[in-house]
Amino acid sequence: MILSTTELLQRYPAIEAIDAYLAKQLCESLGSQNEVLQHVFIALSEALRNGHSCLPLAPDEGLALVRCWSTEEQQGYAFPASKQLLAMLSAYAIEPDDGAPIVLHSSKLYLRRYWHYEHQVAQELLQRMQPQALSASQTQVAEQLLAQLFVPVADTEADAPIDWQAQAVRDALSRQVCVLAGGPGTGKTYTVARLLVALQAVADAPLAIAMAAPTGKAKQRLLESISHAKLQLQQQGIDATLINSIPNSAHTLHGLLGLRPNSQYVKHNQANPLNIDLLLVDEVSMVDLPMMARLLDALPSHCRLVLVGDAQQLPSVAAGSILADIPASAISYLHLSRRFDGTGGIGVLAQQVMQNLAQDSWQQLTLTHVEASPQLQLVGDDGYGQWLQDMCNQYFVPMLKADTLQQAFACLAQFRILAATRQGDKGVEGINQQVESLLSRACAKVRKDQHYQGKPVMVTKNHHGLDLYNGDIGIVWPQADGQLAVCFEHAGGMRMVNAGLLQDLEIVYAMTIHKTQGSEFGHVGLVLTPQAEPLLSSQLLYTAITRAQKRCSVCTNQTTWQRAVAHKTRRWSGLGQLLSG
């Protein structure tokens, strides 16, 4: 007999009520009273909440990795062998064509809609990934332009280094879907701007190009990077018509598709596709599976798709890991980082973290002052308080005392504190409170829970009418009449928004690592605590470290650091298998 939700939560306090409720509904839909399947469905629901698109049931997968709701005080649920579970599930009509709310496919258990999303995305990508050979005249135009776009390496030796950026553009010209991946400083935007120019040059007619990103902040950063790249192209003497074909505007994916807040309505889909010939999507590692399915559904059949991102960064918050699931053979990788050349401390540390080298990365952080890179700093628990005071004096006090908005934003870009969690003294909320307390001693205008000139704030809710989105960061500043407003940097310059129109704001001296994806700062202070260990992974650390352009301070202890580096987040998915054939 299946257990009631109340009984489940009493027996296993670690189970989330929403998972217990969904499991009960799934059992009822199948007409099952099997307690084992009830717990399998709980595990499936939990997996979906944690970003997986399915629950693998093959031996040594899936349930072997589920924590099974154990606590320090109580042993969790013990599942039978995978073979027995698969036999139980196979007794029900849950094959792909049977219409049940769950699907068992290739030893993976899905909610039907996620199985549908995976197959839809796989089908669309496979169709669009077929090579499209250029004509002889197009090839000639492309090669002439590439010679102008990319200055050849001055090396006549046989082992001259490959210009991966030029090679990526050359490969992409014959693909309807181009996937461009690389770490920070590898020139992804530099390369993609030249790809857009090259695609326009070989096209038979002017292309209608659109650019998009998952969040408003990522959209803004894309625009800034593309604008800089267009200036570089002008300086190279590239035809103005080609440069001007690159748009000066971008969209969030929600805005592009016409998704209404808190609604399943979408303006653009297969019945009403987007009127574009080429779509560039930046920060694609942040795009979840349902959003990618909606996006592909809205593209006309002839539309080229350019996906750009860093596969080593954190996957999307919601289910899926699109970039990680795309086969390596379909991706153009940029290997050479102009920012991290492999000899500086940040670059070395990022590589060690990415390779899960826990001991080596800790040694990199604990080098003697003589050996240590000026890019890295390790702050122990006993030195944390003084470090936080020093950072406030060095970065935040000048921001509060800045004479102009430009100066304040320049100070804000210099430094940010990153944490893995929001709760606790060394979580985002606790750090922000400590910073304000320290700043109040140096600046009388700093008042807790009040706006003051120079206060950095982050929007936590989408405001489509104001073109402001969750994650956008501004600074509180007085208007001409003395009234305080929130100012945001946009491509067209500074924009003031009445503070009264923005009820969903939070202070942002410190922010979560997740919120920093797509951003960069001169100096990053990374704060990691033992309490945050369940959330820590090598991808999380890599994302945080690579936000730093010049310096990274790490505040942690050896055990917490090494456990985080050794733990690599794995997203369960069937998409990679589908795309690989």
Protein backbone atom coordinates (compact mmCIF):
# COMPACT_ATOMS: atom_id res chain seq x y z
CA MET A 1 0.00 0.00 0.00
CA ILE A 2 1.18 3.51 -0.77
CA LEU A 3 1.65 5.87 2.14
CA SER A 4 -0.27 9.09 2.62
CA THR A 5 1.65 12.33 2.27
CA THR A 6 1.44 12.84 6.02
CA GLU A 7 2.82 9.35 6.71
CA LEU A 8 5.67 9.89 4.24
CA LEU A 9 6.73 13.18 5.77
CA GLN A 10 6.58 11.75 9.26
CA ARG A 11 8.66 8.73 8.30
CA TYR A 12 11.16 10.63 6.14
CA PRO A 13 11.36 14.31 7.19
CA ALA A 14 13.89 15.00 4.41
CA ILE A 15 11.26 14.41 1.72
CA GLU A 16 9.76 17.57 0.21
CA ALA A 17 5.97 17.73 0.34
CA ILE A 18 5.70 18.63 -3.34
CA ASP A 19 7.58 15.44 -4.29
CA ALA A 20 5.33 13.32 -2.09
CA TYR A 21 2.24 14.90 -3.62
CA LEU A 22 3.37 14.32 -7.22
CA ALA A 23 4.28 10.70 -6.44
CA LYS A 24 0.82 10.10 -5.01
CA GLN A 25 -0.77 11.57 -8.15
CA LEU A 26 1.38 9.40 -10.42
CA CYS A 27 0.51 6.25 -8.49
CA GLU A 28 -3.19 7.06 -8.74
CA SER A 29 -2.91 7.71 -12.48
CA LEU A 30 -1.39 4.23 -12.94
CA GLY A 31 -3.80 2.58 -10.54
CA SER A 32 -0.83 1.42 -8.46
CA GLN A 33 -0.63 0.81 -4.73
CA ASN A 34 3.02 -0.22 -4.92
CA GLU A 35 4.98 1.52 -2.16
CA VAL A 36 8.29 0.93 -3.98
CA LEU A 37 7.05 2.76 -7.09
CA GLN A 38 5.73 5.55 -4.90
CA HIS A 39 9.27 6.14 -3.66
CA VAL A 40 10.68 5.89 -7.18
CA PHE A 41 8.29 8.64 -8.24
CA ILE A 42 9.39 10.74 -5.26
CA ALA A 43 12.97 10.31 -6.45
CA LEU A 44 11.92 11.31 -9.97
CA SER A 45 10.23 14.47 -8.71
CA GLU A 46 13.27 15.35 -6.62
CA ALA A 47 15.54 14.77 -9.62
CA LEU A 48 13.48 17.19 -11.73
CA ARG A 49 13.66 19.86 -9.01
CA ASN A 50 17.43 19.44 -8.97
CA GLY A 51 17.76 20.08 -12.69
CA HIS A 52 17.76 16.53 -14.09
CA SER A 53 15.43 15.74 -16.97
CA CYS A 54 15.02 12.08 -16.02
CA LEU A 55 15.86 9.42 -13.44
CA PRO A 56 18.20 6.70 -14.77
CA LEU A 57 17.39 3.24 -13.46
CA ALA A 58 20.15 1.24 -15.09
CA PRO A 59 22.63 -0.41 -12.69
CA ASP A 60 25.08 2.00 -11.04
CA GLU A 61 23.05 5.00 -12.11
CA GLY A 62 20.17 7.08 -10.89
CA LEU A 63 18.89 5.68 -7.63
CA ALA A 64 22.37 4.65 -6.58
CA LEU A 65 23.18 8.35 -6.53
CA VAL A 66 19.99 9.61 -4.90
CA ARG A 67 20.47 10.45 -1.24
CA CYS A 68 17.23 8.59 -0.55
CA TRP A 69 16.18 11.04 2.12
CA SER A 70 18.61 9.93 4.78
CA THR A 71 19.29 12.32 7.66
CA GLU A 72 21.88 12.31 10.43
CA GLU A 73 19.22 10.95 12.74
CA GLN A 74 17.45 8.53 10.45
CA GLN A 75 18.24 6.01 7.72
CA GLY A 76 16.50 6.77 4.46
CA TYR A 77 14.59 4.52 2.09
CA ALA A 78 16.40 1.49 0.68
CA PHE A 79 15.55 0.75 -2.97
CA PRO A 80 15.67 -2.74 -4.46
CA ALA A 81 18.00 -3.57 -7.32
CA SER A 82 17.59 -1.70 -10.59
CA LYS A 83 16.59 -4.88 -12.43
CA GLN A 84 13.66 -5.35 -10.06
CA LEU A 85 12.59 -1.71 -10.38
CA LEU A 86 12.64 -1.88 -14.16
CA ALA A 87 10.53 -5.03 -14.06
CA MET A 88 7.97 -3.34 -11.79
CA LEU A 89 7.70 -0.32 -14.09
CA SER A 90 7.53 -2.42 -17.23
CA ALA A 91 4.34 -4.00 -15.93
CA TYR A 92 2.52 -0.69 -16.50
CA ALA A 93 1.62 1.03 -19.78
CA ILE A 94 4.31 3.68 -19.65
CA GLU A 95 5.99 3.25 -23.02
CA PRO A 96 6.46 6.42 -25.11
CA ASP A 97 3.33 5.84 -27.21
CA ASP A 98 0.98 4.86 -24.41
CA GLY A 99 -0.04 8.31 -23.20
CA ALA A 100 0.73 7.77 -19.52
CA PRO A 101 2.04 10.77 -17.51
CA ILE A 102 5.39 9.01 -17.14
CA VAL A 103 7.63 7.37 -19.73
CA LEU A 104 10.20 4.59 -19.33
CA HIS A 105 12.69 4.81 -22.18
CA SER A 106 16.19 3.31 -22.40
CA SER A 107 16.15 2.53 -18.65
CA LYS A 108 15.36 6.17 -17.90
CA LEU A 109 12.20 7.32 -16.17
CA TYR A 110 10.66 10.63 -17.31
CA LEU A 111 7.68 12.80 -16.75
CA ARG A 112 6.13 12.69 -20.20
CA ARG A 113 6.60 16.37 -20.99
CA TYR A 114 10.35 16.16 -20.33
CA TRP A 115 10.65 13.08 -22.51
CA HIS A 116 8.84 15.07 -25.21
CA TYR A 117 11.15 18.08 -24.72
CA GLU A 118 14.26 15.94 -25.13
CA HIS A 119 13.02 14.25 -28.27
CA GLN A 120 11.81 17.52 -29.76
CA VAL A 121 15.15 19.23 -29.15
CA ALA A 122 17.10 16.23 -30.48
CA GLN A 123 14.99 15.99 -33.63
CA GLU A 124 15.24 19.71 -34.38
CA LEU A 125 18.99 19.89 -33.77
CA LEU A 126 19.79 16.75 -35.75
CA GLN A 127 17.82 18.04 -38.74
CA ARG A 128 19.59 21.41 -38.59
CA MET A 129 23.07 19.97 -38.01
CA GLN A 130 23.29 18.49 -41.49
CA PRO A 131 26.25 20.07 -43.37
CA GLN A 132 25.46 22.69 -46.01
CA ALA A 133 28.32 22.97 -48.48
CA LEU A 134 29.20 26.43 -49.81
CA SER A 135 29.36 27.06 -53.54
CA ALA A 136 32.71 27.80 -55.16
CA SER A 137 31.93 31.52 -55.33
CA GLN A 138 30.78 31.59 -51.70
CA THR A 139 33.95 29.80 -50.63
CA GLN A 140 36.06 32.38 -52.46
CA VAL A 141 34.21 35.29 -50.84
CA ALA A 142 34.51 33.67 -47.42
CA GLU A 143 38.25 33.00 -47.67
CA GLN A 144 38.99 36.54 -48.85
CA LEU A 145 36.98 37.96 -45.96
CA LEU A 146 38.52 35.60 -43.39
CA ALA A 147 41.99 36.78 -44.41
CA GLN A 148 40.86 40.32 -43.62
CA LEU A 149 38.97 39.42 -40.43
CA PHE A 150 41.74 37.36 -38.85
CA VAL A 151 45.36 38.44 -39.10
CA PRO A 152 47.39 35.33 -39.95
CA VAL A 153 49.84 34.03 -37.38
CA ALA A 154 53.34 35.13 -38.38
CA ASP A 155 54.85 31.67 -38.28
CA THR A 156 55.94 29.67 -41.27
CA GLU A 157 56.80 26.53 -39.30
CA ALA A 158 54.79 23.38 -39.87
CA ASP A 159 53.68 23.35 -36.25
CA ALA A 160 52.40 26.95 -36.30
CA PRO A 161 49.57 27.41 -33.86
CA ILE A 162 46.04 27.07 -35.18
CA ASP A 163 43.91 30.18 -35.20
CA TRP A 164 40.93 28.55 -33.51
CA GLN A 165 38.77 31.63 -33.94
CA ALA A 166 39.22 31.68 -37.72
CA GLN A 167 38.77 27.91 -37.85
CA ALA A 168 35.52 28.16 -35.87
CA VAL A 169 34.13 30.71 -38.33
CA ARG A 170 35.24 28.60 -41.31
CA ASP A 171 33.53 25.50 -39.86
CA ALA A 172 30.36 27.40 -39.00
CA LEU A 173 29.84 28.71 -42.51
CA SER A 174 28.77 25.25 -43.67
CA ARG A 175 26.53 24.50 -40.69
CA GLN A 176 22.97 25.60 -40.11
CA VAL A 177 23.61 25.16 -36.39
CA CYS A 178 26.88 26.52 -35.04
CA VAL A 179 27.87 25.84 -31.43
CA LEU A 180 30.76 27.99 -30.23
CA ALA A 181 32.21 27.11 -26.83
CA GLY A 182 35.10 28.47 -24.82
CA GLY A 183 36.13 29.73 -21.44
CA PRO A 184 36.54 33.36 -20.33
CA GLY A 185 38.84 35.42 -22.47
CA THR A 186 38.85 33.02 -25.42
CA GLY A 187 37.18 35.63 -27.64
CA LYS A 188 33.72 34.13 -28.08
CA THR A 189 32.06 37.47 -28.83
CA TYR A 190 35.04 38.58 -30.96
CA THR A 191 34.63 35.40 -33.00
CA VAL A 192 30.86 35.41 -33.25
CA ALA A 193 30.79 39.03 -34.50
CA ARG A 194 33.10 37.99 -37.34
CA LEU A 195 30.96 34.94 -37.97
CA LEU A 196 27.87 37.12 -38.38
CA VAL A 197 29.75 39.31 -40.86
CA ALA A 198 30.97 36.27 -42.80
CA LEU A 199 27.51 34.69 -42.92
CA GLN A 200 26.09 37.96 -44.24
CA ALA A 201 28.83 38.15 -46.87
CA VAL A 202 28.09 34.70 -48.32
CA ALA A 203 24.29 35.07 -48.14
CA ASP A 204 22.32 35.54 -51.33
CA ALA A 205 20.25 38.32 -49.74
CA PRO A 206 20.44 40.50 -46.59
CA LEU A 207 19.87 38.41 -43.47
CA ALA A 208 17.38 39.32 -40.76
CA ILE A 209 19.53 38.75 -37.65
CA ALA A 210 18.31 38.56 -34.04
CA MET A 211 20.36 38.25 -30.85
CA ALA A 212 19.14 36.90 -27.53
CA ALA A 213 20.27 35.76 -24.10
CA PRO A 214 18.57 33.94 -21.21
CA THR A 215 18.45 36.93 -18.83
CA GLY A 216 18.28 40.70 -19.01
CA LYS A 217 21.76 41.01 -17.55
CA ALA A 218 23.21 38.57 -20.07
CA LYS A 219 21.40 40.45 -22.84
CA GLN A 220 22.96 43.72 -21.74
CA ARG A 221 26.43 42.23 -21.57
CA LEU A 222 25.98 40.70 -25.05
CA LEU A 223 25.07 44.12 -26.44
CA GLU A 224 28.12 45.72 -24.81
CA SER A 225 30.44 43.03 -26.18
CA ILE A 226 28.94 43.14 -29.68
CA SER A 227 29.14 46.94 -29.73
CA HIS A 228 32.86 46.75 -28.88
CA ALA A 229 33.39 44.07 -31.54
CA LYS A 230 31.71 46.24 -34.19
CA LEU A 231 34.09 49.09 -33.39
CA GLN A 232 36.99 46.68 -33.90
CA LEU A 233 35.57 45.65 -37.27
CA GLN A 234 35.31 49.29 -38.32
CA GLN A 235 38.95 49.82 -37.39
CA GLN A 236 39.87 46.82 -39.55
CA GLY A 237 38.19 48.45 -42.53
CA ILE A 238 35.44 45.86 -42.91
CA ASP A 239 32.61 46.87 -45.25
CA ALA A 240 30.17 49.08 -43.33
CA THR A 241 27.17 47.31 -44.88
CA LEU A 242 28.33 44.01 -43.39
CA ILE A 243 28.97 45.59 -39.98
CA ASN A 244 25.60 47.34 -39.95
CA SER A 245 23.85 44.03 -40.59
CA ILE A 246 24.69 43.12 -36.98
CA PRO A 247 21.78 44.50 -34.92
CA ASN A 248 22.16 47.12 -32.21
CA SER A 249 19.48 45.50 -30.08
CA ALA A 250 18.98 42.18 -28.34
CA HIS A 251 16.22 40.30 -26.55
CA THR A 252 15.77 38.05 -23.61
CA LEU A 253 14.57 34.65 -24.76
CA HIS A 254 11.24 35.28 -23.04
CA GLY A 255 10.88 38.59 -24.86
CA LEU A 256 11.92 37.12 -28.21
CA LEU A 257 9.34 34.33 -28.02
CA GLY A 258 6.63 36.52 -26.52
CA LEU A 259 6.28 34.41 -23.36
CA ARG A 260 3.87 36.04 -20.93
CA PRO A 261 4.79 36.06 -17.24
CA ASN A 262 3.13 33.28 -15.23
CA SER A 263 1.49 31.92 -18.37
CA GLN A 264 1.97 29.09 -20.85
CA TYR A 265 1.08 31.45 -23.70
CA VAL A 266 3.81 31.96 -26.26
CA LYS A 267 3.45 34.29 -29.24
CA HIS A 268 5.96 32.56 -31.51
CA ASN A 269 5.83 28.84 -32.17
CA GLN A 270 5.67 26.44 -35.11
CA ALA A 271 2.36 27.95 -36.24
CA ASN A 272 3.70 31.51 -35.95
CA PRO A 273 7.49 31.34 -36.38
CA LEU A 274 9.93 34.16 -35.84
CA ASN A 275 10.56 36.28 -38.93
CA ILE A 276 14.33 35.92 -38.88
CA ASP A 277 17.09 34.28 -40.91
CA LEU A 278 19.74 33.97 -38.20
CA LEU A 279 19.53 33.79 -34.41
CA LEU A 280 22.45 34.22 -32.02
CA VAL A 281 21.91 32.93 -28.46
CA ASP A 282 24.55 33.83 -25.89
CA GLU A 283 25.17 32.15 -22.52
CA VAL A 284 23.47 29.01 -23.77
CA SER A 285 24.67 27.01 -20.73
CA MET A 286 21.95 28.90 -18.81
CA VAL A 287 19.18 27.81 -21.20
CA ASP A 288 17.00 25.05 -19.80
CA LEU A 289 15.46 22.16 -21.72
CA PRO A 290 11.86 23.49 -21.96
CA MET A 291 13.10 26.90 -23.15
CA MET A 292 15.32 25.32 -25.83
CA ALA A 293 12.35 23.26 -27.02
CA ARG A 294 10.19 26.38 -27.31
CA LEU A 295 12.99 28.25 -29.09
CA LEU A 296 13.57 25.57 -31.71
CA ASP A 297 9.82 25.26 -32.23
CA ALA A 298 9.65 28.98 -33.11
CA LEU A 299 12.50 28.99 -35.65
CA PRO A 300 11.62 28.87 -39.35
CA SER A 301 13.13 25.87 -41.12
CA HIS A 302 15.70 27.95 -43.01
CA CYS A 303 16.92 29.89 -39.96
CA ARG A 304 20.55 29.53 -38.92
CA LEU A 305 21.22 29.12 -35.21
CA VAL A 306 24.41 30.21 -33.44
CA LEU A 307 24.76 29.00 -29.84
CA VAL A 308 27.53 30.49 -27.68
CA GLY A 309 28.60 29.56 -24.17
CA ASP A 310 31.00 27.92 -21.74
CA ALA A 311 30.18 24.26 -21.07
CA GLN A 312 32.25 24.30 -17.86
CA GLN A 313 29.98 26.82 -16.16
CA LEU A 314 26.95 26.00 -14.11
CA PRO A 315 24.07 24.42 -16.00
CA SER A 316 20.63 26.01 -16.13
CA VAL A 317 18.66 26.48 -12.92
CA ALA A 318 15.76 24.48 -14.37
CA ALA A 319 15.99 21.01 -15.93
CA GLY A 320 18.53 20.27 -18.62
CA SER A 321 22.16 20.81 -19.60
CA ILE A 322 21.89 21.62 -23.28
CA LEU A 323 25.47 22.69 -23.98
CA ALA A 324 26.97 19.75 -22.08
CA ASP A 325 24.72 17.30 -23.98
CA ILE A 326 25.71 18.46 -27.47
CA PRO A 327 28.35 16.06 -28.89
CA ALA A 328 31.89 17.45 -28.98
CA SER A 329 32.04 16.76 -32.73
CA ALA A 330 29.31 19.38 -33.29
CA ILE A 331 31.05 22.10 -31.25
CA SER A 332 33.71 24.58 -32.31
CA TYR A 333 36.00 25.09 -29.31
CA LEU A 334 38.09 28.17 -28.64
CA HIS A 335 41.12 26.96 -26.72
CA LEU A 336 43.33 30.01 -26.25
CA SER A 337 42.36 32.44 -23.48
CA ARG A 338 43.62 35.98 -23.90
CA ARG A 339 42.77 36.71 -20.26
CA PHE A 340 44.09 33.55 -18.63
CA ASP A 341 47.20 32.41 -20.47
CA GLY A 342 47.83 29.38 -18.27
CA THR A 343 50.67 30.96 -16.32
CA GLY A 344 48.72 33.34 -14.08
CA GLY A 345 47.21 32.15 -10.85
CA ILE A 346 43.54 32.53 -11.81
CA GLY A 347 43.94 30.58 -15.05
CA VAL A 348 45.91 27.79 -13.39
CA LEU A 349 43.45 27.54 -10.52
CA ALA A 350 40.45 27.46 -12.88
CA GLN A 351 42.02 24.62 -14.89
CA GLN A 352 42.80 22.63 -11.75
CA VAL A 353 39.25 23.07 -10.47
CA MET A 354 37.78 22.08 -13.82
CA GLN A 355 39.89 18.89 -13.73
CA ASN A 356 38.79 18.13 -10.12
CA LEU A 357 42.37 18.37 -8.82
CA ALA A 358 41.50 19.01 -5.19
CA GLN A 359 45.01 18.75 -3.70
CA ASP A 360 46.78 20.60 -6.51
CA SER A 361 44.30 23.48 -6.43
CA TRP A 362 44.68 23.84 -2.66
CA GLN A 363 48.45 23.93 -3.05
CA GLN A 364 48.01 26.65 -5.67
CA LEU A 365 46.08 28.70 -3.09
CA THR A 366 48.61 28.09 -0.31
CA LEU A 367 51.84 28.93 -2.14
CA THR A 368 54.29 31.04 -0.16
CA HIS A 369 54.20 34.78 -0.69
CA VAL A 370 57.39 34.51 -2.73
CA GLU A 371 55.91 31.91 -5.04
CA ALA A 372 52.29 33.03 -5.01
CA SER A 373 50.64 34.76 -7.89
CA PRO A 374 49.43 38.28 -7.12
CA GLN A 375 46.16 37.15 -8.71
CA LEU A 376 45.28 34.84 -5.80
CA GLN A 377 44.73 35.31 -2.08
CA LEU A 378 43.69 32.74 0.54
CA VAL A 379 41.83 34.12 3.55
CA GLY A 380 41.40 31.86 6.55
CA ASP A 381 38.66 32.04 9.16
CA ASP A 382 40.89 34.00 11.54
CA GLY A 383 41.59 36.66 8.93
CA TYR A 384 38.10 36.96 7.42
CA GLY A 385 36.89 39.87 9.57
CA GLN A 386 39.90 42.04 8.80
CA TRP A 387 39.73 41.11 5.11
CA LEU A 388 36.09 42.17 4.91
CA GLN A 389 36.92 45.50 6.57
CA ASP A 390 39.81 46.05 4.15
CA MET A 391 37.60 45.31 1.14
CA CYS A 392 34.97 47.76 2.35
CA ASN A 393 37.58 50.49 2.75
CA GLN A 394 39.23 49.75 -0.59
CA TYR A 395 36.16 49.35 -2.81
CA PHE A 396 32.82 50.20 -1.21
CA VAL A 397 33.66 53.42 0.67
CA PRO A 398 34.98 55.08 -2.54
CA MET A 399 31.74 54.02 -4.30
CA LEU A 400 29.62 55.68 -1.62
CA LYS A 401 31.76 58.84 -1.77
CA ALA A 402 31.91 59.01 -5.58
CA ASP A 403 31.14 62.40 -7.11
CA THR A 404 29.52 61.02 -10.25
CA LEU A 405 27.49 58.02 -11.30
CA GLN A 406 30.25 57.00 -13.70
CA GLN A 407 32.71 56.88 -10.83
CA ALA A 408 30.28 54.87 -8.68
CA PHE A 409 29.71 52.28 -11.42
CA ALA A 410 33.46 52.05 -12.03
CA CYS A 411 33.94 51.25 -8.33
CA LEU A 412 31.13 48.68 -8.42
CA ALA A 413 32.75 46.89 -11.36
CA GLN A 414 36.04 46.59 -9.50
CA PHE A 415 34.92 44.18 -6.79
CA ARG A 416 32.15 41.79 -5.79
CA ILE A 417 31.76 39.26 -2.97
CA LEU A 418 30.37 35.91 -4.14
CA ALA A 419 28.81 33.23 -1.94
CA ALA A 420 27.27 29.84 -2.63
CA THR A 421 24.23 30.34 -0.43
CA ARG A 422 21.98 33.11 0.80
CA GLN A 423 21.62 32.00 4.43
CA GLY A 424 24.05 32.22 7.32
CA ASP A 425 26.65 34.74 8.47
CA LYS A 426 28.74 34.00 5.38
CA GLY A 427 25.82 33.70 3.02
CA VAL A 428 24.75 36.61 0.82
CA GLU A 429 22.25 38.04 3.27
CA GLY A 430 24.61 37.87 6.24
CA ILE A 431 27.56 39.35 4.32
CA ASN A 432 25.45 42.25 3.03
CA GLN A 433 24.34 43.04 6.57
CA GLN A 434 27.93 42.95 7.84
CA VAL A 435 29.12 45.18 5.00
CA GLU A 436 26.43 47.78 5.68
CA SER A 437 27.30 47.72 9.38
CA LEU A 438 30.98 48.32 8.57
CA LEU A 439 30.16 51.05 6.04
CA SER A 440 27.87 52.88 8.47
CA ARG A 441 30.95 53.65 10.58
CA ALA A 442 32.66 55.33 7.64
CA CYS A 443 29.63 56.91 5.98
CA ALA A 444 26.90 58.38 8.16
CA LYS A 445 24.38 58.21 5.28
CA VAL A 446 24.37 54.37 5.33
CA ARG A 447 21.18 53.22 7.02
CA LYS A 448 19.92 49.64 7.18
CA ASP A 449 16.73 48.99 5.16
CA GLN A 450 16.90 52.48 3.62
CA HIS A 451 18.04 53.83 0.29
CA TYR A 452 21.13 56.03 0.25
CA GLN A 453 23.37 57.50 -2.45
CA GLY A 454 25.78 54.91 -3.85
CA LYS A 455 23.88 51.86 -2.57
CA PRO A 456 24.17 48.95 -5.07
CA VAL A 457 20.92 47.05 -5.62
CA MET A 458 19.74 44.16 -7.76
CA VAL A 459 16.33 43.67 -9.35
CA THR A 460 14.84 40.34 -8.22
CA LYS A 461 11.74 40.32 -10.42
CA ASN A 462 11.17 40.91 -14.13
CA HIS A 463 9.67 44.31 -14.99
CA HIS A 464 8.92 43.94 -18.69
CA GLY A 465 7.33 47.37 -18.96
CA LEU A 466 10.50 48.99 -17.63
CA ASP A 467 12.81 46.71 -19.63
CA LEU A 468 14.35 45.56 -16.35
CA TYR A 469 14.87 41.93 -15.45
CA ASN A 470 15.79 39.66 -12.58
CA GLY A 471 19.54 40.09 -12.01
CA ASP A 472 19.89 43.65 -13.37
CA ILE A 473 22.10 45.74 -11.08
CA GLY A 474 21.83 49.47 -10.45
CA ILE A 475 23.01 52.14 -8.03
CA VAL A 476 20.81 54.41 -5.93
CA TRP A 477 21.47 58.02 -6.90
CA PRO A 478 19.75 61.40 -6.45
CA GLN A 479 17.89 62.94 -9.37
CA ALA A 480 18.05 66.63 -10.24
CA ASP A 481 15.29 67.35 -7.70
CA GLY A 482 17.17 65.50 -4.97
CA GLN A 483 14.81 62.52 -4.94
CA LEU A 484 16.54 59.15 -4.91
CA ALA A 485 16.19 56.89 -7.93
CA VAL A 486 17.86 53.70 -9.13
CA CYS A 487 20.21 54.16 -12.06
CA PHE A 488 21.03 51.39 -14.51
CA GLU A 489 23.70 51.23 -17.19
CA HIS A 490 22.27 50.53 -20.63
CA ALA A 491 23.83 50.49 -24.06
CA GLY A 492 22.43 53.96 -24.71
CA GLY A 493 23.78 55.38 -21.45
CA MET A 494 22.48 55.81 -17.90
CA ARG A 495 18.79 55.34 -17.13
CA MET A 496 17.04 56.53 -13.97
CA VAL A 497 14.05 54.64 -12.61
CA ASN A 498 11.94 55.94 -9.73
CA ALA A 499 12.73 53.78 -6.73
CA GLY A 500 9.02 53.62 -5.89
CA LEU A 501 8.40 51.62 -9.08
CA LEU A 502 10.84 48.91 -8.01
CA GLN A 503 9.57 47.07 -4.96
CA ASP A 504 11.66 43.96 -5.61
CA LEU A 505 15.20 45.10 -4.87
CA GLU A 506 17.95 43.66 -2.71
CA ILE A 507 21.32 45.02 -1.68
CA VAL A 508 24.19 43.55 -3.66
CA TYR A 509 27.59 44.12 -2.09
CA ALA A 510 27.53 40.33 -2.10
CA MET A 511 25.60 38.05 -4.45
CA THR A 512 25.20 34.35 -5.17
CA ILE A 513 27.53 32.71 -7.66
CA HIS A 514 24.56 31.70 -9.79
CA LYS A 515 23.58 35.34 -10.24
CA THR A 516 27.04 36.28 -11.56
CA GLN A 517 26.98 34.13 -14.70
CA GLY A 518 27.68 36.40 -17.64
CA SER A 519 29.33 39.06 -15.43
CA GLU A 520 32.96 39.97 -14.78
CA PHE A 521 34.68 41.95 -12.01
CA GLY A 522 38.21 43.17 -11.52
CA HIS A 523 38.49 41.49 -8.12
CA VAL A 524 36.29 38.66 -6.80
CA GLY A 525 36.00 37.65 -3.15
CA LEU A 526 34.76 34.05 -2.97
CA VAL A 527 33.32 33.04 0.42
CA LEU A 528 32.75 29.31 1.03
CA THR A 529 31.53 27.77 4.29
CA PRO A 530 31.06 24.17 5.47
CA GLN A 531 27.31 24.88 5.72
CA ALA A 532 27.24 25.45 1.95
CA GLU A 533 28.98 22.15 1.09
CA PRO A 534 25.80 20.41 -0.22
CA LEU A 535 25.61 23.17 -2.86
CA LEU A 536 29.30 23.24 -3.78
CA SER A 537 30.78 21.69 -6.91
CA SER A 538 33.72 22.16 -9.24
CA GLN A 539 31.42 23.91 -11.75
CA LEU A 540 30.30 26.37 -9.09
CA LEU A 541 33.90 27.18 -8.13
CA TYR A 542 34.98 27.44 -11.77
CA THR A 543 32.15 29.88 -12.48
CA ALA A 544 33.09 32.02 -9.48
CA ILE A 545 36.84 32.03 -10.13
CA THR A 546 36.47 32.96 -13.78
CA ARG A 547 34.33 36.00 -12.92
CA ALA A 548 37.61 37.59 -11.76
CA GLN A 549 39.62 39.52 -14.31
CA LYS A 550 42.67 40.43 -12.21
CA ARG A 551 42.43 39.03 -8.68
CA CYS A 552 40.52 36.35 -6.75
CA SER A 553 40.41 36.14 -2.95
CA VAL A 554 39.17 32.80 -1.58
CA CYS A 555 37.78 32.73 1.97
CA THR A 556 37.48 29.12 3.09
CA ASN A 557 39.17 26.17 4.79
CA GLN A 558 40.99 23.22 3.25
CA THR A 559 38.29 20.60 3.84
CA THR A 560 35.47 22.68 2.33
CA TRP A 561 37.59 23.67 -0.66
CA GLN A 562 38.81 20.18 -1.50
CA ARG A 563 35.37 18.61 -1.14
CA ALA A 564 33.93 21.21 -3.50
CA VAL A 565 36.66 20.73 -6.12
CA ALA A 566 36.31 16.95 -5.99
CA HIS A 567 32.54 17.09 -6.53
CA LYS A 568 31.43 17.44 -10.14
CA THR A 569 27.73 18.05 -10.72
CA ARG A 570 26.18 15.59 -13.11
CA ARG A 571 22.90 16.22 -14.87
CA TRP A 572 20.93 13.09 -15.75
CA SER A 573 19.67 13.39 -19.29
CA GLY A 574 18.97 11.31 -22.36
CA LEU A 575 19.59 14.17 -24.81
CA GLY A 576 23.29 13.47 -25.30
CA GLN A 577 22.54 9.88 -26.25
CA LEU A 578 19.84 10.97 -28.70
CA LEU A 579 22.15 13.50 -30.37
CA SER A 580 25.01 11.01 -30.61
CA GLY A 581 22.80 8.46 -32.36
